[in-house]
């Protein structure tokens, strides 16, 4: 039997999450199934604070809707009773997890979600493009680094694998950058890692593109991303 995937409802916009392990512009191979290891994915992990810490009323509504839809797609694919039993027995891979401490993530977060797709997601800013009057498109990977805050649009799915077992996931649709924060991947921007030793000659200034990088220095480093 080949893998069977069941999609549910419309795309859902998540609350604000703190991004990590971003592969939004260049896909990477992933997955433990040998048949899918060579398929490159676009993906992101979103760390989620306790709702009372940051979210607006709209964010809370979105979070509730996301959890409901994840449950609904599982029940639709498996049947309500079977789905409940599989959850209780830990036999379903889920896209929202609470093993923050054991996974090495900062304990200020309550849980995290993972979303991925074989299709490249669109990436935009909260700021308006002066020409289109819509959310400005982001094409520079450095602007959506591990540690910034984002919203995701996702679509829950449930899949039965041909080797046996069920998993529920979130298909990544699009991403919106919300604001910067300190980096979570241990990377330090070049202008903060090296000392400037002399002033630049005027002849060189005219040929240089201005603007320093916007990434903040790292304050902590996350553990390796969990396997699918």
C-alpha atoms as a PDB file:
ATOM      1  CA  UNK A   1       0.000   0.000   0.000  1.00  0.00           C
ATOM      2  CA  UNK A   2       1.389   3.412  -0.897  1.00  0.00           C
ATOM      3  CA  UNK A   3       1.360   6.379   1.476  1.00  0.00           C
ATOM      4  CA  UNK A   4      -2.085   7.957   1.734  1.00  0.00           C
ATOM      5  CA  UNK A   5      -2.457  11.588   2.734  1.00  0.00           C
ATOM      6  CA  UNK A   6      -5.673  13.276   3.913  1.00  0.00           C
ATOM      7  CA  UNK A   7      -5.809  17.081   3.982  1.00  0.00           C
ATOM      8  CA  UNK A   8      -8.244  19.044   6.117  1.00  0.00           C
ATOM      9  CA  UNK A   9     -10.002  22.331   5.628  1.00  0.00           C
ATOM     10  CA  UNK A  10      -8.506  25.646   4.706  1.00  0.00           C
ATOM     11  CA  UNK A  11      -5.053  27.006   5.387  1.00  0.00           C
ATOM     12  CA  UNK A  12      -4.559  28.262   8.953  1.00  0.00           C
ATOM     13  CA  UNK A  13      -2.411  31.210  10.035  1.00  0.00           C
ATOM     14  CA  UNK A  14      -0.492  30.462  13.219  1.00  0.00           C
ATOM     15  CA  UNK A  15       0.115  32.783  16.156  1.00  0.00           C
ATOM     16  CA  UNK A  16       3.498  34.489  16.371  1.00  0.00           C
ATOM     17  CA  UNK A  17       6.275  31.919  16.901  1.00  0.00           C
ATOM     18  CA  UNK A  18      10.034  32.188  17.251  1.00  0.00           C
ATOM     19  CA  UNK A  19      11.668  30.620  14.232  1.00  0.00           C
ATOM     20  CA  UNK A  20      14.478  28.093  14.250  1.00  0.00           C
ATOM     21  CA  UNK A  21      16.175  25.811  11.731  1.00  0.00           C
ATOM     22  CA  UNK A  22      14.860  27.802   8.791  1.00  0.00           C
ATOM     23  CA  UNK A  23      15.137  26.262   5.335  1.00  0.00           C
ATOM     24  CA  UNK A  24      12.882  28.687   3.525  1.00  0.00           C
ATOM     25  CA  UNK A  25      14.965  29.645   0.508  1.00  0.00           C
ATOM     26  CA  UNK A  26      17.105  26.547  -0.105  1.00  0.00           C
ATOM     27  CA  UNK A  27      15.538  23.104   0.508  1.00  0.00           C
ATOM     28  CA  UNK A  28      17.322  20.335   2.326  1.00  0.00           C
ATOM     29  CA  UNK A  29      16.952  16.576   2.229  1.00  0.00           C
ATOM     30  CA  UNK A  30      15.035  15.211   5.172  1.00  0.00           C
ATOM     31  CA  UNK A  31      12.901  12.439   6.556  1.00  0.00           C
ATOM     32  CA  UNK A  32      13.684   9.043   8.014  1.00  0.00           C
ATOM     33  CA  UNK A  33      11.854   7.097   5.352  1.00  0.00           C
ATOM     34  CA  UNK A  34      14.588   5.905   2.924  1.00  0.00           C
ATOM     35  CA  UNK A  35      12.245   6.532   0.015  1.00  0.00           C
ATOM     36  CA  UNK A  36      11.922  10.201   0.937  1.00  0.00           C
ATOM     37  CA  UNK A  37      15.471  10.948   2.090  1.00  0.00           C
ATOM     38  CA  UNK A  38      16.460  12.215  -1.336  1.00  0.00           C
ATOM     39  CA  UNK A  39      13.494  14.587  -1.551  1.00  0.00           C
ATOM     40  CA  UNK A  40      14.472  18.087  -0.540  1.00  0.00           C
ATOM     41  CA  UNK A  41      12.143  20.042   1.710  1.00  0.00           C
ATOM     42  CA  UNK A  42      11.543  23.633   2.729  1.00  0.00           C
ATOM     43  CA  UNK A  43      10.948  23.705   6.463  1.00  0.00           C
ATOM     44  CA  UNK A  44      10.845  25.657   9.693  1.00  0.00           C
ATOM     45  CA  UNK A  45      10.535  24.981  13.422  1.00  0.00           C
ATOM     46  CA  UNK A  46       8.512  27.439  15.500  1.00  0.00           C
ATOM     47  CA  UNK A  47       9.038  27.809  19.260  1.00  0.00           C
ATOM     48  CA  UNK A  48       5.879  28.816  21.095  1.00  0.00           C
ATOM     49  CA  UNK A  49       5.647  30.837  24.292  1.00  0.00           C
ATOM     50  CA  UNK A  50       2.870  30.225  26.829  1.00  0.00           C
ATOM     51  CA  UNK A  51      -0.158  32.068  25.353  1.00  0.00           C
ATOM     52  CA  UNK A  52      -0.406  34.589  28.180  1.00  0.00           C
ATOM     53  CA  UNK A  53       3.173  35.770  27.630  1.00  0.00           C
ATOM     54  CA  UNK A  54       2.809  37.445  24.235  1.00  0.00           C
ATOM     55  CA  UNK A  55      -0.238  36.567  22.203  1.00  0.00           C
ATOM     56  CA  UNK A  56      -3.140  38.786  21.258  1.00  0.00           C
ATOM     57  CA  UNK A  57      -6.746  37.574  21.378  1.00  0.00           C
ATOM     58  CA  UNK A  58      -6.506  36.829  17.651  1.00  0.00           C
ATOM     59  CA  UNK A  59      -3.353  34.747  18.219  1.00  0.00           C
ATOM     60  CA  UNK A  60      -5.153  32.708  20.876  1.00  0.00           C
ATOM     61  CA  UNK A  61      -8.061  32.105  18.514  1.00  0.00           C
ATOM     62  CA  UNK A  62      -5.671  30.952  15.802  1.00  0.00           C
ATOM     63  CA  UNK A  63      -3.895  28.606  18.199  1.00  0.00           C
ATOM     64  CA  UNK A  64      -7.177  27.036  19.274  1.00  0.00           C
ATOM     65  CA  UNK A  65      -8.253  26.632  15.655  1.00  0.00           C
ATOM     66  CA  UNK A  66      -4.948  25.038  14.683  1.00  0.00           C
ATOM     67  CA  UNK A  67      -5.207  22.446  17.455  1.00  0.00           C
ATOM     68  CA  UNK A  68      -8.807  21.698  16.544  1.00  0.00           C
ATOM     69  CA  UNK A  69      -7.950  21.211  12.876  1.00  0.00           C
ATOM     70  CA  UNK A  70      -5.030  18.910  13.697  1.00  0.00           C
ATOM     71  CA  UNK A  71      -7.408  16.753  15.736  1.00  0.00           C
ATOM     72  CA  UNK A  72     -10.103  16.907  13.042  1.00  0.00           C
ATOM     73  CA  UNK A  73      -7.813  15.677  10.285  1.00  0.00           C
ATOM     74  CA  UNK A  74      -6.679  12.774  12.439  1.00  0.00           C
ATOM     75  CA  UNK A  75     -10.231  11.804  13.295  1.00  0.00           C
ATOM     76  CA  UNK A  76     -11.298  12.046   9.673  1.00  0.00           C
ATOM     77  CA  UNK A  77      -8.480   9.797   8.504  1.00  0.00           C
ATOM     78  CA  UNK A  78      -8.569   7.221  11.295  1.00  0.00           C
ATOM     79  CA  UNK A  79     -11.935   7.493  13.008  1.00  0.00           C
ATOM     80  CA  UNK A  80     -12.450   9.243  16.342  1.00  0.00           C
ATOM     81  CA  UNK A  81     -12.002   6.235  18.632  1.00  0.00           C
ATOM     82  CA  UNK A  82      -8.974   4.851  16.821  1.00  0.00           C
ATOM     83  CA  UNK A  83      -7.376   8.282  16.715  1.00  0.00           C
ATOM     84  CA  UNK A  84      -7.898   8.734  20.466  1.00  0.00           C
ATOM     85  CA  UNK A  85      -6.386   5.337  21.228  1.00  0.00           C
ATOM     86  CA  UNK A  86      -3.365   5.959  19.008  1.00  0.00           C
ATOM     87  CA  UNK A  87      -2.769   9.308  20.715  1.00  0.00           C
ATOM     88  CA  UNK A  88      -2.929   7.767  24.166  1.00  0.00           C
ATOM     89  CA  UNK A  89      -0.524   5.008  23.137  1.00  0.00           C
ATOM     90  CA  UNK A  90       1.911   7.454  21.558  1.00  0.00           C
ATOM     91  CA  UNK A  91       1.652   5.784  18.168  1.00  0.00           C
ATOM     92  CA  UNK A  92       1.137   8.955  16.127  1.00  0.00           C
ATOM     93  CA  UNK A  93       3.842  11.390  15.074  1.00  0.00           C
ATOM     94  CA  UNK A  94       2.528  14.869  15.814  1.00  0.00           C
ATOM     95  CA  UNK A  95       3.550  18.307  14.501  1.00  0.00           C
ATOM     96  CA  UNK A  96       3.092  20.057  17.867  1.00  0.00           C
ATOM     97  CA  UNK A  97       5.272  18.797  20.702  1.00  0.00           C
ATOM     98  CA  UNK A  98       5.936  19.727  24.329  1.00  0.00           C
ATOM     99  CA  UNK A  99       9.299  18.014  24.976  1.00  0.00           C
ATOM    100  CA  UNK A 100      11.044  21.385  25.255  1.00  0.00           C
ATOM    101  CA  UNK A 101      13.484  20.590  28.069  1.00  0.00           C
ATOM    102  CA  UNK A 102      14.589  17.166  26.822  1.00  0.00           C
ATOM    103  CA  UNK A 103      15.110  18.579  23.333  1.00  0.00           C
ATOM    104  CA  UNK A 104      17.418  21.320  24.610  1.00  0.00           C
ATOM    105  CA  UNK A 105      15.210  24.297  23.774  1.00  0.00           C
ATOM    106  CA  UNK A 106      14.905  27.313  26.115  1.00  0.00           C
ATOM    107  CA  UNK A 107      12.496  26.484  28.930  1.00  0.00           C
ATOM    108  CA  UNK A 108      10.651  29.781  28.532  1.00  0.00           C
ATOM    109  CA  UNK A 109       8.791  28.125  25.644  1.00  0.00           C
ATOM    110  CA  UNK A 110       5.808  25.865  26.181  1.00  0.00           C
ATOM    111  CA  UNK A 111       5.975  23.815  22.987  1.00  0.00           C
ATOM    112  CA  UNK A 112       7.048  23.897  19.355  1.00  0.00           C
ATOM    113  CA  UNK A 113       5.693  23.036  15.936  1.00  0.00           C
ATOM    114  CA  UNK A 114       7.284  21.868  12.732  1.00  0.00           C
ATOM    115  CA  UNK A 115       6.079  22.590   9.202  1.00  0.00           C
ATOM    116  CA  UNK A 116       7.520  21.638   5.829  1.00  0.00           C
ATOM    117  CA  UNK A 117       6.739  21.411   2.135  1.00  0.00           C
ATOM    118  CA  UNK A 118       8.305  20.279  -1.117  1.00  0.00           C
ATOM    119  CA  UNK A 119       7.165  23.603  -2.615  1.00  0.00           C
ATOM    120  CA  UNK A 120       8.977  26.809  -1.696  1.00  0.00           C
ATOM    121  CA  UNK A 121       6.902  29.028   0.617  1.00  0.00           C
ATOM    122  CA  UNK A 122       6.366  32.704  -0.038  1.00  0.00           C
ATOM    123  CA  UNK A 123       8.100  34.947   2.508  1.00  0.00           C
ATOM    124  CA  UNK A 124       6.868  38.462   3.301  1.00  0.00           C
ATOM    125  CA  UNK A 125       7.300  41.211   5.902  1.00  0.00           C
ATOM    126  CA  UNK A 126       4.729  42.875   8.148  1.00  0.00           C
ATOM    127  CA  UNK A 127       5.695  46.105   6.389  1.00  0.00           C
ATOM    128  CA  UNK A 128       3.775  47.280   3.358  1.00  0.00           C
ATOM    129  CA  UNK A 129       5.333  47.496  -0.092  1.00  0.00           C
ATOM    130  CA  UNK A 130       4.888  51.166  -1.146  1.00  0.00           C
ATOM    131  CA  UNK A 131       4.144  50.118  -4.723  1.00  0.00           C
ATOM    132  CA  UNK A 132       1.737  47.223  -4.281  1.00  0.00           C
ATOM    133  CA  UNK A 133       0.397  48.309  -0.871  1.00  0.00           C
ATOM    134  CA  UNK A 134       0.591  44.633   0.158  1.00  0.00           C
ATOM    135  CA  UNK A 135       3.009  42.848   2.476  1.00  0.00           C
ATOM    136  CA  UNK A 136       6.514  43.363   1.078  1.00  0.00           C
ATOM    137  CA  UNK A 137       8.202  40.282  -0.356  1.00  0.00           C
ATOM    138  CA  UNK A 138      11.437  39.122   1.302  1.00  0.00           C
ATOM    139  CA  UNK A 139      14.064  37.522  -0.925  1.00  0.00           C
ATOM    140  CA  UNK A 140      17.145  37.819   1.326  1.00  0.00           C
ATOM    141  CA  UNK A 141      17.559  34.686   3.519  1.00  0.00           C
ATOM    142  CA  UNK A 142      19.502  36.749   6.078  1.00  0.00           C
ATOM    143  CA  UNK A 143      16.348  38.686   6.928  1.00  0.00           C
ATOM    144  CA  UNK A 144      14.553  35.573   8.204  1.00  0.00           C
ATOM    145  CA  UNK A 145      17.201  34.048  10.434  1.00  0.00           C
ATOM    146  CA  UNK A 146      16.962  31.535  13.265  1.00  0.00           C
ATOM    147  CA  UNK A 147      15.678  33.548  16.207  1.00  0.00           C
ATOM    148  CA  UNK A 148      13.362  36.074  14.569  1.00  0.00           C
ATOM    149  CA  UNK A 149       9.603  36.035  15.148  1.00  0.00           C
ATOM    150  CA  UNK A 150       7.268  34.947  12.369  1.00  0.00           C
ATOM    151  CA  UNK A 151       3.759  33.835  11.511  1.00  0.00           C
ATOM    152  CA  UNK A 152       3.184  30.766   9.369  1.00  0.00           C
ATOM    153  CA  UNK A 153       0.350  29.682   7.146  1.00  0.00           C
ATOM    154  CA  UNK A 154      -0.009  25.911   7.328  1.00  0.00           C
ATOM    155  CA  UNK A 155      -2.358  23.119   6.386  1.00  0.00           C
ATOM    156  CA  UNK A 156      -2.708  20.035   8.610  1.00  0.00           C
ATOM    157  CA  UNK A 157      -2.487  16.588   7.049  1.00  0.00           C
ATOM    158  CA  UNK A 158      -2.622  12.995   8.244  1.00  0.00           C
ATOM    159  CA  UNK A 159      -0.770  10.179   6.488  1.00  0.00           C
ATOM    160  CA  UNK A 160      -0.663   6.410   6.734  1.00  0.00           C
ATOM    161  CA  UNK A 161       2.781   5.104   5.780  1.00  0.00           C
ATOM    162  CA  UNK A 162       3.181   2.026   3.656  1.00  0.00           C
ATOM    163  CA  UNK A 163       5.598   0.546   6.214  1.00  0.00           C
ATOM    164  CA  UNK A 164       2.915   1.001   8.871  1.00  0.00           C
ATOM    165  CA  UNK A 165       1.998   3.782  11.262  1.00  0.00           C
ATOM    166  CA  UNK A 166       0.355   7.187  11.124  1.00  0.00           C
ATOM    167  CA  UNK A 167       1.706  10.708  11.303  1.00  0.00           C
ATOM    168  CA  UNK A 168       0.096  14.141  11.390  1.00  0.00           C
ATOM    169  CA  UNK A 169       1.972  17.080   9.968  1.00  0.00           C
ATOM    170  CA  UNK A 170       1.701  20.706   8.924  1.00  0.00           C
ATOM    171  CA  UNK A 171       2.207  21.576   5.282  1.00  0.00           C
ATOM    172  CA  UNK A 172       4.080  24.875   5.107  1.00  0.00           C
ATOM    173  CA  UNK A 173       2.424  27.407   2.816  1.00  0.00           C
ATOM    174  CA  UNK A 174       3.843  30.872   3.516  1.00  0.00           C
ATOM    175  CA  UNK A 175       5.828  32.812   6.136  1.00  0.00           C
ATOM    176  CA  UNK A 176       5.556  36.377   7.451  1.00  0.00           C
ATOM    177  CA  UNK A 177       8.455  38.030   9.282  1.00  0.00           C
ATOM    178  CA  UNK A 178       7.226  39.952  12.336  1.00  0.00           C
ATOM    179  CA  UNK A 179      10.312  41.194  14.221  1.00  0.00           C
ATOM    180  CA  UNK A 180      13.970  40.443  14.931  1.00  0.00           C
ATOM    181  CA  UNK A 181      15.438  38.956  18.091  1.00  0.00           C
ATOM    182  CA  UNK A 182      18.762  37.435  19.155  1.00  0.00           C
ATOM    183  CA  UNK A 183      20.016  34.567  17.020  1.00  0.00           C
ATOM    184  CA  UNK A 184      19.394  30.976  18.104  1.00  0.00           C
ATOM    185  CA  UNK A 185      21.802  29.172  15.792  1.00  0.00           C
ATOM    186  CA  UNK A 186      25.092  30.363  17.296  1.00  0.00           C
ATOM    187  CA  UNK A 187      26.025  32.401  14.221  1.00  0.00           C
ATOM    188  CA  UNK A 188      27.622  35.821  14.718  1.00  0.00           C
ATOM    189  CA  UNK A 189      27.356  38.507  12.072  1.00  0.00           C
ATOM    190  CA  UNK A 190      30.667  39.283  10.340  1.00  0.00           C
ATOM    191  CA  UNK A 191      30.671  42.973  11.352  1.00  0.00           C
ATOM    192  CA  UNK A 192      30.453  41.931  15.012  1.00  0.00           C
ATOM    193  CA  UNK A 193      33.041  39.155  14.787  1.00  0.00           C
ATOM    194  CA  UNK A 194      35.898  41.185  13.262  1.00  0.00           C
ATOM    195  CA  UNK A 195      37.377  44.507  14.397  1.00  0.00           C
ATOM    196  CA  UNK A 196      37.540  47.393  11.919  1.00  0.00           C
ATOM    197  CA  UNK A 197      41.201  48.442  11.685  1.00  0.00           C
ATOM    198  CA  UNK A 198      41.074  51.580   9.553  1.00  0.00           C
ATOM    199  CA  UNK A 199      38.721  54.007   7.841  1.00  0.00           C
ATOM    200  CA  UNK A 200      37.670  53.232   4.295  1.00  0.00           C
ATOM    201  CA  UNK A 201      39.160  55.421   1.527  1.00  0.00           C
ATOM    202  CA  UNK A 202      36.641  57.750  -0.106  1.00  0.00           C
ATOM    203  CA  UNK A 203      37.147  56.066  -3.495  1.00  0.00           C
ATOM    204  CA  UNK A 204      35.942  52.801  -2.016  1.00  0.00           C
ATOM    205  CA  UNK A 205      32.894  54.278  -0.322  1.00  0.00           C
ATOM    206  CA  UNK A 206      31.117  55.074  -3.585  1.00  0.00           C
ATOM    207  CA  UNK A 207      31.334  51.460  -4.707  1.00  0.00           C
ATOM    208  CA  UNK A 208      30.159  49.881  -1.486  1.00  0.00           C
ATOM    209  CA  UNK A 209      26.550  48.903  -0.803  1.00  0.00           C
ATOM    210  CA  UNK A 210      25.659  50.445   2.542  1.00  0.00           C
ATOM    211  CA  UNK A 211      23.919  48.860   5.453  1.00  0.00           C
ATOM    212  CA  UNK A 212      25.096  46.582   8.166  1.00  0.00           C
ATOM    213  CA  UNK A 213      23.615  43.176   8.689  1.00  0.00           C
ATOM    214  CA  UNK A 214      20.532  43.053  10.860  1.00  0.00           C
ATOM    215  CA  UNK A 215      21.247  39.790  12.666  1.00  0.00           C
ATOM    216  CA  UNK A 216      21.783  40.028  16.411  1.00  0.00           C
ATOM    217  CA  UNK A 217      24.518  38.093  18.153  1.00  0.00           C
ATOM    218  CA  UNK A 218      23.698  34.724  19.611  1.00  0.00           C
ATOM    219  CA  UNK A 219      22.815  34.403  23.302  1.00  0.00           C
ATOM    220  CA  UNK A 220      22.136  30.713  23.318  1.00  0.00           C
ATOM    221  CA  UNK A 221      22.464  27.795  20.964  1.00  0.00           C
ATOM    222  CA  UNK A 222      19.709  25.283  20.332  1.00  0.00           C
ATOM    223  CA  UNK A 223      20.208  21.545  20.268  1.00  0.00           C
ATOM    224  CA  UNK A 224      20.125  19.662  16.949  1.00  0.00           C
ATOM    225  CA  UNK A 225      16.770  19.475  15.243  1.00  0.00           C
ATOM    226  CA  UNK A 226      14.773  16.391  16.107  1.00  0.00           C
ATOM    227  CA  UNK A 227      14.312  13.763  13.415  1.00  0.00           C
ATOM    228  CA  UNK A 228      11.024  13.619  11.515  1.00  0.00           C
END
